[in-house]
Amino acid sequence: RDFGLPVLTHVRRSQDQVLKHVRQIRPPGGI
C-alpha cells in the first residue's frame, strides 16, 4: 500500500482470512 504496488497472494485454505486483511489495509490490487 505504501509504495503503490500490487501483491501476489498465497491463499491456500485461507481465502477468507486473506480477504479480511486485504479489505482492511487496501493494497492497490494484485493476484
All heavy atoms as atom14 arrays in JSON, in Angstrom:
{
  "sequence": "RDFGLPVLTHVRRSQDQVLKHVRQIRPPGGI",
  "atom14_mask": [
    [1, 1, 1, 1, 1, 1, 1, 1, 1, 1, 1, 0, 0, 0],
    [1, 1, 1, 1, 1, 1, 1, 1, 0, 0, 0, 0, 0, 0],
    [1, 1, 1, 1, 1, 1, 1, 1, 1, 1, 1, 0, 0, 0],
    [1, 1, 1, 1, 0, 0, 0, 0, 0, 0, 0, 0, 0, 0],
    [1, 1, 1, 1, 1, 1, 1, 1, 0, 0, 0, 0, 0, 0],
    [1, 1, 1, 1, 1, 1, 1, 0, 0, 0, 0, 0, 0, 0],
    [1, 1, 1, 1, 1, 1, 1, 0, 0, 0, 0, 0, 0, 0],
    [1, 1, 1, 1, 1, 1, 1, 1, 0, 0, 0, 0, 0, 0],
    [1, 1, 1, 1, 1, 1, 1, 0, 0, 0, 0, 0, 0, 0],
    [1, 1, 1, 1, 1, 1, 1, 1, 1, 1, 0, 0, 0, 0],
    [1, 1, 1, 1, 1, 1, 1, 0, 0, 0, 0, 0, 0, 0],
    [1, 1, 1, 1, 1, 1, 1, 1, 1, 1, 1, 0, 0, 0],
    [1, 1, 1, 1, 1, 1, 1, 1, 1, 1, 1, 0, 0, 0],
    [1, 1, 1, 1, 1, 1, 0, 0, 0, 0, 0, 0, 0, 0],
    [1, 1, 1, 1, 1, 1, 1, 1, 1, 0, 0, 0, 0, 0],
    [1, 1, 1, 1, 1, 1, 1, 1, 0, 0, 0, 0, 0, 0],
    [1, 1, 1, 1, 1, 1, 1, 1, 1, 0, 0, 0, 0, 0],
    [1, 1, 1, 1, 1, 1, 1, 0, 0, 0, 0, 0, 0, 0],
    [1, 1, 1, 1, 1, 1, 1, 1, 0, 0, 0, 0, 0, 0],
    [1, 1, 1, 1, 1, 1, 1, 1, 1, 0, 0, 0, 0, 0],
    [1, 1, 1, 1, 1, 1, 1, 1, 1, 1, 0, 0, 0, 0],
    [1, 1, 1, 1, 1, 1, 1, 0, 0, 0, 0, 0, 0, 0],
    [1, 1, 1, 1, 1, 1, 1, 1, 1, 1, 1, 0, 0, 0],
    [1, 1, 1, 1, 1, 1, 1, 1, 1, 0, 0, 0, 0, 0],
    [1, 1, 1, 1, 1, 1, 1, 1, 0, 0, 0, 0, 0, 0],
    [1, 1, 1, 1, 1, 1, 1, 1, 1, 1, 1, 0, 0, 0],
    [1, 1, 1, 1, 1, 1, 1, 0, 0, 0, 0, 0, 0, 0],
    [1, 1, 1, 1, 1, 1, 1, 0, 0, 0, 0, 0, 0, 0],
    [1, 1, 1, 1, 0, 0, 0, 0, 0, 0, 0, 0, 0, 0],
    [1, 1, 1, 1, 0, 0, 0, 0, 0, 0, 0, 0, 0, 0],
    [1, 1, 1, 1, 1, 1, 1, 1, 0, 0, 0, 0, 0, 0]
  ],
  "atom14_positions": [
    [[0.83, -1.21, 0.0], [0.0, 0.0, 0.0], [0.86, 1.25, 0.0], [0.62, 2.2, -0.77], [-0.91, -0.01, 1.23], [-1.82, 1.21, 1.35], [-2.39, 1.3, 2.75], [-1.32, 1.49, 3.74], [-1.49, 1.31, 5.05], [-2.66, 0.91, 5.53], [-0.48, 1.51, 5.88], [0.0, 0.0, 0.0], [0.0, 0.0, 0.0], [0.0, 0.0, 0.0]],
    [[1.89, 1.27, 0.85], [2.71, 2.47, 0.99], [3.47, 2.81, -0.28], [3.72, 3.99, -0.56], [3.69, 2.29, 2.15], [3.0, 2.22, 3.51], [1.79, 2.52, 3.58], [3.67, 1.86, 4.5], [0.0, 0.0, 0.0], [0.0, 0.0, 0.0], [0.0, 0.0, 0.0], [0.0, 0.0, 0.0], [0.0, 0.0, 0.0], [0.0, 0.0, 0.0]],
    [[3.85, 1.79, -1.06], [4.63, 2.03, -2.27], [3.81, 1.86, -3.55], [4.36, 1.94, -4.65], [5.85, 1.1, -2.3], [6.87, 1.44, -1.25], [6.98, 0.68, -0.09], [7.7, 2.55, -1.39], [7.91, 0.99, 0.88], [8.64, 2.87, -0.42], [8.74, 2.1, 0.74], [0.0, 0.0, 0.0], [0.0, 0.0, 0.0], [0.0, 0.0, 0.0]],
    [[2.5, 1.65, -3.4], [1.62, 1.58, -4.56], [1.87, 0.39, -5.46], [1.79, 0.5, -6.69], [0.0, 0.0, 0.0], [0.0, 0.0, 0.0], [0.0, 0.0, 0.0], [0.0, 0.0, 0.0], [0.0, 0.0, 0.0], [0.0, 0.0, 0.0], [0.0, 0.0, 0.0], [0.0, 0.0, 0.0], [0.0, 0.0, 0.0], [0.0, 0.0, 0.0]],
    [[2.14, -0.78, -4.84], [2.47, -1.97, -5.62], [1.41, -3.05, -5.44], [0.89, -3.24, -4.34], [3.82, -2.52, -5.17], [5.03, -1.64, -5.48], [6.23, -2.08, -4.66], [5.36, -1.67, -6.98], [0.0, 0.0, 0.0], [0.0, 0.0, 0.0], [0.0, 0.0, 0.0], [0.0, 0.0, 0.0], [0.0, 0.0, 0.0], [0.0, 0.0, 0.0]],
    [[1.11, -3.81, -6.49], [0.18, -4.95, -6.35], [0.84, -6.08, -5.58], [2.07, -6.14, -5.44], [-0.11, -5.35, -7.8], [1.14, -4.95, -8.53], [1.63, -3.69, -7.86], [0.0, 0.0, 0.0], [0.0, 0.0, 0.0], [0.0, 0.0, 0.0], [0.0, 0.0, 0.0], [0.0, 0.0, 0.0], [0.0, 0.0, 0.0], [0.0, 0.0, 0.0]],
    [[0.01, -7.0, -5.09], [0.51, -8.14, -4.31], [0.18, -9.45, -5.01], [-0.87, -9.59, -5.63], [-0.08, -8.14, -2.88], [0.46, -6.97, -2.09], [-1.6, -8.11, -2.89], [0.0, 0.0, 0.0], [0.0, 0.0, 0.0], [0.0, 0.0, 0.0], [0.0, 0.0, 0.0], [0.0, 0.0, 0.0], [0.0, 0.0, 0.0], [0.0, 0.0, 0.0]],
    [[1.1, -10.4, -4.9], [0.89, -11.77, -5.37], [0.64, -12.61, -4.14], [1.56, -12.86, -3.35], [2.11, -12.26, -6.14], [2.64, -11.33, -7.24], [3.88, -11.93, -7.9], [1.57, -11.03, -8.27], [0.0, 0.0, 0.0], [0.0, 0.0, 0.0], [0.0, 0.0, 0.0], [0.0, 0.0, 0.0], [0.0, 0.0, 0.0], [0.0, 0.0, 0.0]],
    [[-0.61, -13.05, -3.94], [-1.01, -13.63, -2.67], [-1.19, -15.14, -2.74], [-1.8, -15.67, -3.67], [-2.32, -13.01, -2.15], [-3.35, -13.18, -3.12], [-2.14, -11.53, -1.85], [0.0, 0.0, 0.0], [0.0, 0.0, 0.0], [0.0, 0.0, 0.0], [0.0, 0.0, 0.0], [0.0, 0.0, 0.0], [0.0, 0.0, 0.0], [0.0, 0.0, 0.0]],
    [[-0.68, -15.8, -1.72], [-0.82, -17.23, -1.5], [-2.05, -17.41, -0.61], [-2.1, -16.85, 0.5], [0.45, -17.72, -0.8], [0.5, -19.18, -0.51], [1.16, -20.09, -1.32], [0.0, -19.91, 0.52], [1.08, -21.3, -0.8], [0.37, -21.23, 0.32], [0.0, 0.0, 0.0], [0.0, 0.0, 0.0], [0.0, 0.0, 0.0], [0.0, 0.0, 0.0]],
    [[-3.03, -18.17, -1.07], [-4.33, -18.21, -0.37], [-4.77, -19.65, -0.09], [-5.97, -19.95, -0.1], [-5.42, -17.46, -1.16], [-5.09, -15.98, -1.27], [-5.61, -18.05, -2.58], [0.0, 0.0, 0.0], [0.0, 0.0, 0.0], [0.0, 0.0, 0.0], [0.0, 0.0, 0.0], [0.0, 0.0, 0.0], [0.0, 0.0, 0.0], [0.0, 0.0, 0.0]],
    [[-3.82, -20.54, 0.21], [-4.17, -21.95, 0.37], [-4.97, -22.16, 1.66], [-4.47, -21.96, 2.77], [-2.92, -22.83, 0.37], [-3.24, -24.32, 0.33], [-2.12, -25.17, -0.23], [-0.9, -25.1, 0.57], [0.09, -25.99, 0.46], [0.02, -26.99, -0.42], [1.17, -25.87, 1.21], [0.0, 0.0, 0.0], [0.0, 0.0, 0.0], [0.0, 0.0, 0.0]],
    [[-6.23, -22.57, 1.48], [-7.18, -22.76, 2.57], [-7.28, -21.52, 3.46], [-7.49, -21.62, 4.67], [-6.83, -23.99, 3.4], [-6.96, -25.29, 2.6], [-6.96, -26.51, 3.47], [-7.07, -27.72, 2.65], [-6.99, -28.95, 3.13], [-6.82, -29.16, 4.42], [-7.08, -30.0, 2.32], [0.0, 0.0, 0.0], [0.0, 0.0, 0.0], [0.0, 0.0, 0.0]],
    [[-7.16, -20.35, 2.86], [-7.13, -19.12, 3.64], [-7.76, -17.94, 2.91], [-7.48, -16.79, 3.23], [-5.67, -18.77, 3.99], [-4.89, -18.57, 2.82], [0.0, 0.0, 0.0], [0.0, 0.0, 0.0], [0.0, 0.0, 0.0], [0.0, 0.0, 0.0], [0.0, 0.0, 0.0], [0.0, 0.0, 0.0], [0.0, 0.0, 0.0], [0.0, 0.0, 0.0]],
    [[-8.62, -18.23, 1.94], [-9.17, -17.14, 1.13], [-9.86, -16.07, 1.97], [-9.63, -14.87, 1.79], [-10.15, -17.69, 0.09], [-9.5, -18.47, -1.03], [-9.44, -19.95, -0.74], [-9.69, -20.41, 0.38], [-9.13, -20.75, -1.75], [0.0, 0.0, 0.0], [0.0, 0.0, 0.0], [0.0, 0.0, 0.0], [0.0, 0.0, 0.0], [0.0, 0.0, 0.0]],
    [[-10.72, -16.49, 2.88], [-11.48, -15.51, 3.66], [-10.58, -14.69, 4.57], [-10.78, -13.48, 4.74], [-12.56, -16.21, 4.49], [-13.69, -16.77, 3.64], [-13.89, -16.27, 2.51], [-14.39, -17.7, 4.11], [0.0, 0.0, 0.0], [0.0, 0.0, 0.0], [0.0, 0.0, 0.0], [0.0, 0.0, 0.0], [0.0, 0.0, 0.0], [0.0, 0.0, 0.0]],
    [[-9.58, -15.35, 5.15], [-8.68, -14.63, 6.05], [-7.82, -13.63, 5.29], [-7.6, -12.51, 5.76], [-7.8, -15.63, 6.81], [-8.57, -16.52, 7.76], [-9.07, -17.8, 7.09], [-9.11, -17.91, 5.86], [-9.43, -18.78, 7.91], [0.0, 0.0, 0.0], [0.0, 0.0, 0.0], [0.0, 0.0, 0.0], [0.0, 0.0, 0.0], [0.0, 0.0, 0.0]],
    [[-7.31, -14.02, 4.11], [-6.55, -13.08, 3.3], [-7.43, -11.9, 2.89], [-7.02, -10.74, 2.96], [-5.94, -13.77, 2.07], [-5.33, -12.75, 1.12], [-4.88, -14.79, 2.49], [0.0, 0.0, 0.0], [0.0, 0.0, 0.0], [0.0, 0.0, 0.0], [0.0, 0.0, 0.0], [0.0, 0.0, 0.0], [0.0, 0.0, 0.0], [0.0, 0.0, 0.0]],
    [[-8.65, -12.2, 2.49], [-9.58, -11.14, 2.11], [-9.81, -10.15, 3.25], [-9.89, -8.94, 3.02], [-10.92, -11.75, 1.68], [-11.04, -12.18, 0.23], [-12.27, -13.06, 0.05], [-11.13, -10.95, -0.68], [0.0, 0.0, 0.0], [0.0, 0.0, 0.0], [0.0, 0.0, 0.0], [0.0, 0.0, 0.0], [0.0, 0.0, 0.0], [0.0, 0.0, 0.0]],
    [[-9.93, -10.66, 4.46], [-10.15, -9.78, 5.61], [-9.03, -8.74, 5.72], [-9.29, -7.54, 5.89], [-10.22, -10.61, 6.89], [-10.37, -9.79, 8.17], [-10.28, -10.65, 9.41], [-8.85, -11.09, 9.67], [-8.7, -11.8, 10.96], [0.0, 0.0, 0.0], [0.0, 0.0, 0.0], [0.0, 0.0, 0.0], [0.0, 0.0, 0.0], [0.0, 0.0, 0.0]],
    [[-7.8, -9.2, 5.6], [-6.67, -8.28, 5.74], [-6.56, -7.35, 4.53], [-6.22, -6.17, 4.68], [-5.39, -9.07, 5.95], [-5.39, -9.88, 7.21], [-5.5, -9.31, 8.47], [-5.32, -11.22, 7.43], [-5.47, -10.25, 9.39], [-5.38, -11.42, 8.78], [0.0, 0.0, 0.0], [0.0, 0.0, 0.0], [0.0, 0.0, 0.0], [0.0, 0.0, 0.0]],
    [[-6.84, -7.86, 3.34], [-6.82, -7.03, 2.14], [-7.85, -5.9, 2.27], [-7.56, -4.74, 1.94], [-7.1, -7.89, 0.89], [-7.5, -7.03, -0.3], [-5.87, -8.74, 0.56], [0.0, 0.0, 0.0], [0.0, 0.0, 0.0], [0.0, 0.0, 0.0], [0.0, 0.0, 0.0], [0.0, 0.0, 0.0], [0.0, 0.0, 0.0], [0.0, 0.0, 0.0]],
    [[-9.03, -6.21, 2.74], [-10.08, -5.2, 2.88], [-9.7, -4.14, 3.9], [-10.05, -2.96, 3.75], [-11.39, -5.88, 3.28], [-12.07, -6.63, 2.16], [-13.16, -7.52, 2.7], [-14.0, -8.1, 1.67], [-14.75, -9.18, 1.84], [-14.73, -9.82, 3.01], [-15.5, -9.64, 0.86], [0.0, 0.0, 0.0], [0.0, 0.0, 0.0], [0.0, 0.0, 0.0]],
    [[-8.99, -4.54, 4.93], [-8.62, -3.59, 5.97], [-7.47, -2.68, 5.55], [-7.48, -1.49, 5.84], [-8.26, -4.34, 7.25], [-9.45, -5.01, 7.93], [-9.03, -5.88, 9.11], [-7.85, -6.12, 9.35], [-10.02, -6.4, 9.84], [0.0, 0.0, 0.0], [0.0, 0.0, 0.0], [0.0, 0.0, 0.0], [0.0, 0.0, 0.0], [0.0, 0.0, 0.0]],
    [[-6.49, -3.24, 4.85], [-5.28, -2.48, 4.53], [-5.33, -1.87, 3.13], [-4.75, -0.82, 2.88], [-4.04, -3.37, 4.73], [-3.97, -3.77, 6.22], [-2.77, -2.68, 4.28], [-2.89, -4.77, 6.55], [0.0, 0.0, 0.0], [0.0, 0.0, 0.0], [0.0, 0.0, 0.0], [0.0, 0.0, 0.0], [0.0, 0.0, 0.0], [0.0, 0.0, 0.0]],
    [[-6.01, -2.51, 2.22], [-6.29, -1.99, 0.89], [-5.04, -1.7, 0.06], [-4.76, -0.55, -0.3], [-7.16, -0.73, 0.98], [-8.51, -1.01, 1.61], [-9.42, 0.2, 1.55], [-10.73, -0.09, 2.12], [-11.74, 0.76, 2.18], [-11.58, 2.0, 1.69], [-12.89, 0.43, 2.69], [0.0, 0.0, 0.0], [0.0, 0.0, 0.0], [0.0, 0.0, 0.0]],
    [[-4.29, -2.73, -0.28], [-3.22, -2.54, -1.26], [-3.84, -2.27, -2.62], [-5.04, -2.53, -2.82], [-2.5, -3.89, -1.24], [-3.59, -4.86, -0.92], [-4.47, -4.15, 0.08], [0.0, 0.0, 0.0], [0.0, 0.0, 0.0], [0.0, 0.0, 0.0], [0.0, 0.0, 0.0], [0.0, 0.0, 0.0], [0.0, 0.0, 0.0], [0.0, 0.0, 0.0]],
    [[-3.05, -1.77, -3.58], [-3.62, -1.45, -4.89], [-3.78, -2.68, -5.79], [-3.22, -2.76, -6.88], [-2.62, -0.46, -5.47], [-1.33, -0.83, -4.83], [-1.67, -1.31, -3.45], [0.0, 0.0, 0.0], [0.0, 0.0, 0.0], [0.0, 0.0, 0.0], [0.0, 0.0, 0.0], [0.0, 0.0, 0.0], [0.0, 0.0, 0.0], [0.0, 0.0, 0.0]],
    [[-4.56, -3.64, -5.32], [-4.87, -4.8, -6.15], [-3.78, -5.84, -6.16], [-2.82, -5.78, -5.38], [0.0, 0.0, 0.0], [0.0, 0.0, 0.0], [0.0, 0.0, 0.0], [0.0, 0.0, 0.0], [0.0, 0.0, 0.0], [0.0, 0.0, 0.0], [0.0, 0.0, 0.0], [0.0, 0.0, 0.0], [0.0, 0.0, 0.0], [0.0, 0.0, 0.0]],
    [[-3.94, -6.81, -7.05], [-2.98, -7.89, -7.15], [-3.61, -9.14, -7.71], [-4.62, -9.07, -8.43], [0.0, 0.0, 0.0], [0.0, 0.0, 0.0], [0.0, 0.0, 0.0], [0.0, 0.0, 0.0], [0.0, 0.0, 0.0], [0.0, 0.0, 0.0], [0.0, 0.0, 0.0], [0.0, 0.0, 0.0], [0.0, 0.0, 0.0], [0.0, 0.0, 0.0]],
    [[-3.04, -10.28, -7.36], [-3.48, -11.57, -7.88], [-3.64, -12.56, -6.73], [-2.74, -12.69, -5.89], [-2.47, -12.13, -8.9], [-2.36, -11.21, -10.13], [-2.85, -13.55, -9.34], [-1.22, -11.56, -11.06], [0.0, 0.0, 0.0], [0.0, 0.0, 0.0], [0.0, 0.0, 0.0], [0.0, 0.0, 0.0], [0.0, 0.0, 0.0], [0.0, 0.0, 0.0]]
  ]
}
